[in-house]
């Protein structure tokens, strides 16, 4: 089928809950993808950071194939020989003493919410059904009914009420706003250390340290969502490490599987994740042997290929080259590692479409921001090639 045939089938039979660029990808390797017309593109979105290790990484592919020959799913009714290895790998890498695996990032966020609420009742002594979780403006933590209940983006909420109670909203980056929102029923503060969907919004220096301090002073959990920002994307293993804080819980997903399979997890302490008793929370696919084997390989690739340091170094190089472009269309450039938001003084979509024609795939966010987030295996030569294309399009 050609591109028009594929697009026609999607438009005819699929729900229109996305507005993708009209490129039909049929093959991918490393930082590049190929469409059905055999045109190659540099992928500067990396599946929203799910393929930090690059498309179809051979080591992760080998683990996927090998494990799929043996056993893919047991459910958690039985044990398997791969899950414990993933637990140990995550513990050794992050220092967190307990892990709860799920599938999608949204499921992991829901898991963290449930853990925080039960912790609030069983450990802090909050009155039953009164626990509150504080979230930030412009947050993006997923698409479930509960999660959109504390979104401030009306596009995510319109027509989907009634909404789940138990959440309060504070201004992202404003520590005084957080301070005023805390009360005796506050169980946790849930925050992205860098807001990705909002346009690569980085909070003021010291914000996370002050937030952590407030949580400690008020016996609250400090929970960070590192689903997009974590596992090397920001130039560190986790974005919260820029401020040397230590969250009570970290939510991860996306690059945890290198794009091969939905794998997510909550990393925390025994005090927090220990609130769950058998039967109170679970997932048929969460922690399955195929997911665990793939995740171990994906983490190995990040470390063995030094992708976190490469993200820091090449991200600095990429963002500096973009900042050297003198163009009145550019309002601001924000970056951490290979996660770059180019905010324009106009709509970003037409420029994403123009870049697609030039062989670069990226996506607009919040109307005016072009987000560049290539696989962490991208090279300096590929960045140079991309920057020249970007210069030519921004006219």
Protein backbone atom coordinates (compact mmCIF):
# COMPACT_ATOMS: atom_id res chain seq x y z
CA UNK A 1 0.00 0.00 0.00
CA UNK A 2 1.10 3.55 -0.61
CA UNK A 3 0.88 6.36 1.96
CA UNK A 4 -2.55 7.53 0.83
CA UNK A 5 -3.95 4.01 1.13
CA UNK A 6 -2.66 3.67 4.70
CA UNK A 7 -3.92 7.11 5.70
CA UNK A 8 -7.31 6.42 4.15
CA UNK A 9 -7.73 3.21 6.18
CA UNK A 10 -6.82 5.01 9.42
CA UNK A 11 -9.19 7.87 8.71
CA UNK A 12 -12.05 5.55 7.77
CA UNK A 13 -11.85 2.99 10.58
CA UNK A 14 -9.88 4.61 13.40
CA UNK A 15 -11.05 6.99 16.12
CA UNK A 16 -9.65 10.46 15.46
CA UNK A 17 -8.00 10.97 18.83
CA UNK A 18 -4.67 11.98 17.28
CA UNK A 19 -3.62 14.51 14.65
CA UNK A 20 -0.43 12.90 13.30
CA UNK A 21 1.84 14.21 10.61
CA UNK A 22 1.04 12.41 7.36
CA UNK A 23 4.16 10.27 7.21
CA UNK A 24 3.59 6.50 7.12
CA UNK A 25 6.55 4.72 8.69
CA UNK A 26 7.32 1.16 7.70
CA UNK A 27 10.88 0.66 8.94
CA UNK A 28 13.14 2.10 11.62
CA UNK A 29 16.74 1.68 12.74
CA UNK A 30 18.80 3.75 15.13
CA UNK A 31 17.84 7.41 14.85
CA UNK A 32 16.25 7.02 11.41
CA UNK A 33 12.88 5.88 10.11
CA UNK A 34 11.75 5.07 6.56
CA UNK A 35 8.29 5.62 5.10
CA UNK A 36 6.34 3.45 2.66
CA UNK A 37 7.69 5.55 -0.24
CA UNK A 38 11.24 4.68 0.94
CA UNK A 39 12.08 8.21 2.09
CA UNK A 40 14.29 8.41 5.19
CA UNK A 41 13.73 10.77 8.11
CA UNK A 42 15.74 11.69 11.18
CA UNK A 43 13.47 10.94 14.12
CA UNK A 44 13.58 13.90 16.50
CA UNK A 45 10.69 12.76 18.67
CA UNK A 46 11.83 9.23 19.64
CA UNK A 47 8.25 8.12 20.31
CA UNK A 48 7.95 10.73 23.07
CA UNK A 49 11.22 9.44 24.58
CA UNK A 50 10.24 5.75 24.50
CA UNK A 51 13.09 4.90 22.11
CA UNK A 52 15.95 6.67 23.86
CA UNK A 53 18.14 3.69 22.92
CA UNK A 54 17.28 4.06 19.22
CA UNK A 55 14.81 2.15 17.09
CA UNK A 56 15.08 -1.66 17.10
CA UNK A 57 18.26 -1.74 19.15
CA UNK A 58 19.91 -5.11 18.39
CA UNK A 59 20.62 -6.00 22.03
CA UNK A 60 17.05 -5.31 23.14
CA UNK A 61 15.72 -7.07 20.04
CA UNK A 62 17.78 -10.15 20.86
CA UNK A 63 16.41 -10.21 24.42
CA UNK A 64 12.87 -9.79 23.08
CA UNK A 65 13.22 -12.66 20.59
CA UNK A 66 14.98 -14.99 23.02
CA UNK A 67 12.45 -14.48 25.79
CA UNK A 68 9.46 -14.75 23.44
CA UNK A 69 10.67 -18.23 22.49
CA UNK A 70 10.41 -19.36 26.10
CA UNK A 71 7.50 -17.71 27.90
CA UNK A 72 5.86 -14.32 27.41
CA UNK A 73 3.12 -14.20 30.03
CA UNK A 74 2.40 -16.06 33.26
CA UNK A 75 0.29 -13.42 35.02
CA UNK A 76 1.28 -12.63 38.59
CA UNK A 77 -0.64 -15.69 39.78
CA UNK A 78 2.72 -17.45 39.34
CA UNK A 79 6.31 -16.35 39.58
CA UNK A 80 8.72 -16.11 36.65
CA UNK A 81 12.50 -16.20 36.42
CA UNK A 82 12.94 -12.70 34.94
CA UNK A 83 11.04 -10.35 37.22
CA UNK A 84 13.43 -10.60 40.16
CA UNK A 85 16.31 -9.75 37.85
CA UNK A 86 14.54 -6.56 36.78
CA UNK A 87 13.88 -5.64 40.41
CA UNK A 88 17.56 -6.12 41.26
CA UNK A 89 18.68 -4.13 38.19
CA UNK A 90 16.45 -1.18 39.10
CA UNK A 91 17.50 -1.31 42.74
CA UNK A 92 21.20 -1.36 41.88
CA UNK A 93 20.79 1.46 39.36
CA UNK A 94 18.58 3.80 41.41
CA UNK A 95 18.95 2.81 45.06
CA UNK A 96 15.22 2.39 45.59
CA UNK A 97 14.41 -0.64 47.72
CA UNK A 98 11.05 -1.69 46.29
CA UNK A 99 9.56 -1.71 42.76
CA UNK A 100 6.01 -2.21 41.52
CA UNK A 101 5.83 -2.94 37.77
CA UNK A 102 2.97 -1.98 35.47
CA UNK A 103 2.54 -1.48 31.71
CA UNK A 104 1.75 2.07 30.57
CA UNK A 105 2.97 5.24 32.20
CA UNK A 106 -0.58 6.19 33.14
CA UNK A 107 -0.97 2.89 35.00
CA UNK A 108 2.17 3.63 36.97
CA UNK A 109 0.85 7.09 37.86
CA UNK A 110 -2.43 5.53 39.01
CA UNK A 111 -0.39 3.09 41.09
CA UNK A 112 1.52 5.94 42.73
CA UNK A 113 -1.76 7.74 43.48
CA UNK A 114 -3.22 4.66 45.15
CA UNK A 115 -0.03 4.08 47.14
CA UNK A 116 0.07 7.72 48.29
CA UNK A 117 -3.54 7.64 49.42
CA UNK A 118 -3.18 4.40 51.35
CA UNK A 119 0.09 5.60 52.85
CA UNK A 120 -1.75 8.73 53.96
CA UNK A 121 -4.38 6.69 55.78
CA UNK A 122 -2.19 3.93 57.23
CA UNK A 123 1.02 5.85 57.99
CA UNK A 124 0.13 9.52 58.34
CA UNK A 125 -3.28 9.00 59.92
CA UNK A 126 -5.39 11.04 57.51
CA UNK A 127 -9.11 10.65 58.11
CA UNK A 128 -10.64 7.98 55.78
CA UNK A 129 -11.45 9.21 52.27
CA UNK A 130 -10.03 12.69 52.94
CA UNK A 131 -6.54 12.31 51.47
CA UNK A 132 -5.45 14.99 48.99
CA UNK A 133 -2.71 14.86 46.40
CA UNK A 134 -1.27 18.14 45.17
CA UNK A 135 -0.39 18.48 41.47
CA UNK A 136 0.94 21.34 39.35
CA UNK A 137 -0.56 23.51 36.63
CA UNK A 138 0.17 22.40 33.04
CA UNK A 139 0.92 18.89 34.27
CA UNK A 140 0.73 15.85 32.04
CA UNK A 141 0.59 12.51 33.84
CA UNK A 142 -1.60 10.49 31.46
CA UNK A 143 -5.11 10.17 30.06
CA UNK A 144 -7.14 8.12 32.52
CA UNK A 145 -10.28 9.61 34.04
CA UNK A 146 -8.61 10.07 37.42
CA UNK A 147 -5.48 11.65 35.94
CA UNK A 148 -7.33 14.16 33.77
CA UNK A 149 -9.27 15.13 36.88
CA UNK A 150 -6.21 17.09 37.99
CA UNK A 151 -5.17 18.33 34.54
CA UNK A 152 -5.42 22.06 33.82
CA UNK A 153 -5.65 21.56 30.05
CA UNK A 154 -9.27 21.78 28.96
CA UNK A 155 -8.56 19.73 25.82
CA UNK A 156 -7.86 16.77 28.10
CA UNK A 157 -10.99 17.34 30.20
CA UNK A 158 -13.67 18.57 27.82
CA UNK A 159 -16.65 16.22 27.87
CA UNK A 160 -15.11 13.65 30.21
CA UNK A 161 -16.56 14.66 33.60
CA UNK A 162 -17.57 14.07 36.33
CA UNK A 163 -14.07 14.16 37.69
CA UNK A 164 -12.36 12.33 40.52
CA UNK A 165 -12.06 14.36 43.74
CA UNK A 166 -9.06 14.43 46.05
CA UNK A 167 -6.67 16.68 44.16
CA UNK A 168 -5.58 20.29 44.47
CA UNK A 169 -3.60 22.31 41.95
CA UNK A 170 -0.70 24.69 42.55
CA UNK A 171 1.28 26.84 40.15
CA UNK A 172 4.25 24.93 38.72
CA UNK A 173 7.53 26.49 39.82
CA UNK A 174 5.92 28.64 42.53
CA UNK A 175 6.94 27.36 45.95
CA UNK A 176 4.66 29.79 47.76
CA UNK A 177 1.68 28.36 45.89
CA UNK A 178 2.63 24.89 47.11
CA UNK A 179 3.12 26.11 50.66
CA UNK A 180 -0.38 27.62 50.78
CA UNK A 181 -2.03 24.45 49.46
CA UNK A 182 -0.66 22.09 52.12
CA UNK A 183 -3.07 21.05 54.86
CA UNK A 184 -3.58 18.17 57.31
CA UNK A 185 -5.05 15.99 54.53
CA UNK A 186 -2.14 16.45 52.14
CA UNK A 187 -0.69 13.03 51.39
CA UNK A 188 1.66 13.81 48.51
CA UNK A 189 2.98 16.30 46.00
CA UNK A 190 3.11 14.79 42.50
CA UNK A 191 5.23 16.71 40.00
CA UNK A 192 7.23 16.41 36.79
CA UNK A 193 10.76 17.74 37.44
CA UNK A 194 10.60 19.08 33.87
CA UNK A 195 7.25 19.45 32.14
CA UNK A 196 7.50 17.83 28.73
CA UNK A 197 4.04 18.12 27.19
CA UNK A 198 3.82 21.70 28.43
CA UNK A 199 6.80 22.56 26.22
CA UNK A 200 9.98 21.55 28.10
CA UNK A 201 9.24 23.84 31.04
CA UNK A 202 12.07 23.87 33.59
CA UNK A 203 11.24 25.14 37.09
CA UNK A 204 13.34 27.80 38.80
CA UNK A 205 16.58 26.66 40.39
CA UNK A 206 15.90 25.34 43.88
CA UNK A 207 12.21 24.65 43.33
CA UNK A 208 12.49 20.88 43.72
CA UNK A 209 14.70 21.25 46.81
CA UNK A 210 12.19 23.57 48.44
CA UNK A 211 9.31 21.28 47.46
CA UNK A 212 11.10 18.29 48.98
CA UNK A 213 11.74 20.27 52.16
CA UNK A 214 8.06 21.22 52.46
CA UNK A 215 7.05 17.60 52.01
CA UNK A 216 9.43 16.51 54.77
CA UNK A 217 8.23 19.24 57.13
CA UNK A 218 4.58 18.31 56.56
CA UNK A 219 4.93 14.51 56.51
CA UNK A 220 3.96 14.26 52.84
CA UNK A 221 5.31 12.10 50.05
CA UNK A 222 7.39 13.79 47.37
CA UNK A 223 6.62 11.93 44.12
CA UNK A 224 8.21 12.70 40.75
CA UNK A 225 6.95 11.61 37.35
CA UNK A 226 10.03 10.77 35.27
CA UNK A 227 8.17 8.87 32.54
CA UNK A 228 9.45 11.22 29.82
CA UNK A 229 12.27 13.03 31.60
CA UNK A 230 13.92 9.96 33.08
CA UNK A 231 16.31 7.27 31.85
CA UNK A 232 18.72 9.66 30.18
CA UNK A 233 16.45 12.03 28.31
CA UNK A 234 17.37 15.08 30.40
CA UNK A 235 21.11 14.35 30.42
CA UNK A 236 20.98 12.56 33.76
CA UNK A 237 19.49 9.23 34.78
CA UNK A 238 16.64 11.25 36.30
CA UNK A 239 15.89 14.95 35.90
CA UNK A 240 15.42 15.39 39.66
CA UNK A 241 19.16 14.74 40.06
CA UNK A 242 19.88 18.26 38.80
CA UNK A 243 18.85 19.41 42.28
CA UNK A 244 20.23 16.50 44.35
CA UNK A 245 16.85 15.71 45.88
CA UNK A 246 15.68 12.22 46.82
CA UNK A 247 11.98 11.68 46.07
CA UNK A 248 9.94 9.21 48.08
CA UNK A 249 8.75 7.66 44.82
CA UNK A 250 9.78 7.85 41.16
CA UNK A 251 7.48 6.91 38.29
CA UNK A 252 9.16 5.54 35.16
CA UNK A 253 8.06 4.10 31.81
CA UNK A 254 8.60 4.75 28.09
CA UNK A 255 12.38 4.16 27.61
CA UNK A 256 12.26 1.42 30.25
CA UNK A 257 11.58 -0.94 27.34
CA UNK A 258 13.42 0.86 24.55
CA UNK A 259 10.19 0.99 22.56
CA UNK A 260 9.67 -2.77 22.30
CA UNK A 261 6.90 -3.26 24.82
CA UNK A 262 4.84 -1.25 27.33
CA UNK A 263 6.75 -1.38 30.62
CA UNK A 264 6.44 1.02 33.55
CA UNK A 265 7.14 0.98 37.26
CA UNK A 266 6.95 2.85 40.53
CA UNK A 267 10.21 2.95 42.49
CA UNK A 268 9.91 3.66 46.19
CA UNK A 269 10.52 2.50 49.74
CA UNK A 270 9.12 -0.45 51.61
CA UNK A 271 7.16 1.98 53.75
CA UNK A 272 5.30 3.34 50.72
CA UNK A 273 4.89 0.35 48.42
CA UNK A 274 4.56 -1.94 51.40
CA UNK A 275 1.04 -0.57 51.96
CA UNK A 276 -0.24 -2.93 49.26
CA UNK A 277 -1.48 -6.33 50.36
CA UNK A 278 -2.16 -9.25 47.99
CA UNK A 279 -5.29 -8.64 45.96
CA UNK A 280 -5.42 -4.87 46.50
CA UNK A 281 -3.68 -3.83 43.29
CA UNK A 282 -2.33 -5.57 40.22
CA UNK A 283 -2.14 -6.09 36.49
CA UNK A 284 -2.35 -9.22 34.34
CA UNK A 285 0.55 -8.09 32.17
CA UNK A 286 2.49 -6.03 34.73
CA UNK A 287 5.81 -7.68 35.52
CA UNK A 288 5.47 -10.37 32.88
CA UNK A 289 8.67 -12.21 31.86
CA UNK A 290 8.87 -10.71 28.37
CA UNK A 291 8.54 -7.19 29.76
CA UNK A 292 11.13 -7.88 32.44
CA UNK A 293 13.68 -9.34 30.04
CA UNK A 294 13.25 -6.44 27.62
CA UNK A 295 13.54 -3.85 30.41
CA UNK A 296 16.76 -5.36 31.74
CA UNK A 297 18.28 -5.22 28.25
CA UNK A 298 17.05 -1.64 27.74
CA UNK A 299 18.67 -0.52 31.00
CA UNK A 300 21.89 -2.33 30.09
CA UNK A 301 22.05 -0.44 26.79
CA UNK A 302 21.66 2.93 28.55
CA UNK A 303 24.58 2.18 30.84
CA UNK A 304 26.90 0.17 28.56
CA UNK A 305 26.67 2.69 25.71
CA UNK A 306 27.02 5.68 28.05
CA UNK A 307 23.83 7.18 26.62
CA UNK A 308 23.07 9.33 29.64
CA UNK A 309 26.37 11.24 29.35
CA UNK A 310 25.94 11.41 25.58
CA UNK A 311 22.53 12.97 26.12
CA UNK A 312 24.08 15.64 28.34
CA UNK A 313 26.94 16.42 25.96
CA UNK A 314 25.07 16.23 22.66
CA UNK A 315 22.07 18.00 24.15
CA UNK A 316 24.29 20.91 25.12
CA UNK A 317 25.77 20.91 21.62
CA UNK A 318 22.37 20.71 19.89
CA UNK A 319 20.77 23.45 22.01
CA UNK A 320 23.79 25.76 21.62
CA UNK A 321 23.65 25.37 17.85
CA UNK A 322 19.94 26.17 17.88
CA UNK A 323 20.52 29.22 20.11
CA UNK A 324 23.03 30.48 17.54
CA UNK A 325 20.21 30.79 15.01
CA UNK A 326 19.21 34.44 14.96
CA UNK A 327 15.60 34.47 13.86
CA UNK A 328 12.72 36.68 15.06
CA UNK A 329 10.40 33.65 14.90
CA UNK A 330 12.22 32.12 17.87
CA UNK A 331 10.91 33.35 21.21
CA UNK A 332 12.85 31.07 23.55
CA UNK A 333 14.84 27.82 23.61
CA UNK A 334 14.61 25.61 26.69
CA UNK A 335 16.64 22.44 27.13
CA UNK A 336 17.95 19.72 29.39
CA UNK A 337 19.98 17.03 27.69
CA UNK A 338 18.52 15.92 24.37
CA UNK A 339 15.15 17.41 25.29
CA UNK A 340 14.75 20.76 23.61
CA UNK A 341 11.74 23.03 23.29
CA UNK A 342 11.91 25.76 20.65
CA UNK A 343 9.12 28.19 21.43
CA UNK A 344 8.03 30.29 18.46
CA UNK A 345 6.15 33.55 18.18
CA UNK A 346 3.67 31.77 15.95
CA UNK A 347 2.02 28.39 15.43
CA UNK A 348 4.53 25.51 15.38
CA UNK A 349 2.55 22.97 13.33
CA UNK A 350 3.39 24.43 9.88
CA UNK A 351 7.09 24.29 10.71
CA UNK A 352 6.84 20.66 11.84
CA UNK A 353 5.18 19.88 8.52
CA UNK A 354 7.92 21.77 6.66
CA UNK A 355 10.63 19.92 8.57
CA UNK A 356 8.99 16.63 7.64
CA UNK A 357 9.40 17.53 3.98
CA UNK A 358 13.07 18.23 4.73
CA UNK A 359 13.53 14.81 6.32
CA UNK A 360 13.15 15.63 10.04
CA UNK A 361 10.31 14.32 12.18
CA UNK A 362 9.29 16.35 15.22
CA UNK A 363 6.02 17.42 16.77
CA UNK A 364 4.46 20.58 18.09
CA UNK A 365 3.27 20.84 21.66
CA UNK A 366 1.06 23.53 23.18
CA UNK A 367 0.61 25.13 19.74
CA UNK A 368 3.77 27.24 19.65
CA UNK A 369 6.57 24.88 20.75
CA UNK A 370 8.58 22.54 18.53
CA UNK A 371 9.96 19.71 20.63
CA UNK A 372 13.22 18.05 19.61
CA UNK A 373 13.93 14.78 21.41
CA UNK A 374 15.95 12.43 19.18
CA UNK A 375 17.17 9.00 20.27
CA UNK A 376 20.18 9.36 22.56
CA UNK A 377 22.33 7.51 20.02
CA UNK A 378 22.19 10.46 17.60
CA UNK A 379 25.59 11.67 16.39
CA UNK A 380 27.09 15.16 16.18
CA UNK A 381 27.10 14.91 12.37
CA UNK A 382 23.38 14.11 12.39
CA UNK A 383 22.74 17.08 14.67
CA UNK A 384 24.71 19.36 12.33
CA UNK A 385 22.67 18.09 9.39
CA UNK A 386 19.43 18.69 11.29
CA UNK A 387 20.37 22.22 12.38
CA UNK A 388 20.96 23.30 8.78
CA UNK A 389 17.52 21.98 7.83
CA UNK A 390 15.94 23.77 10.80
CA UNK A 391 17.66 27.03 9.81
CA UNK A 392 16.27 26.75 6.30
CA UNK A 393 12.71 26.08 7.48
CA UNK A 394 12.58 28.96 9.99
CA UNK A 395 12.14 31.66 7.37
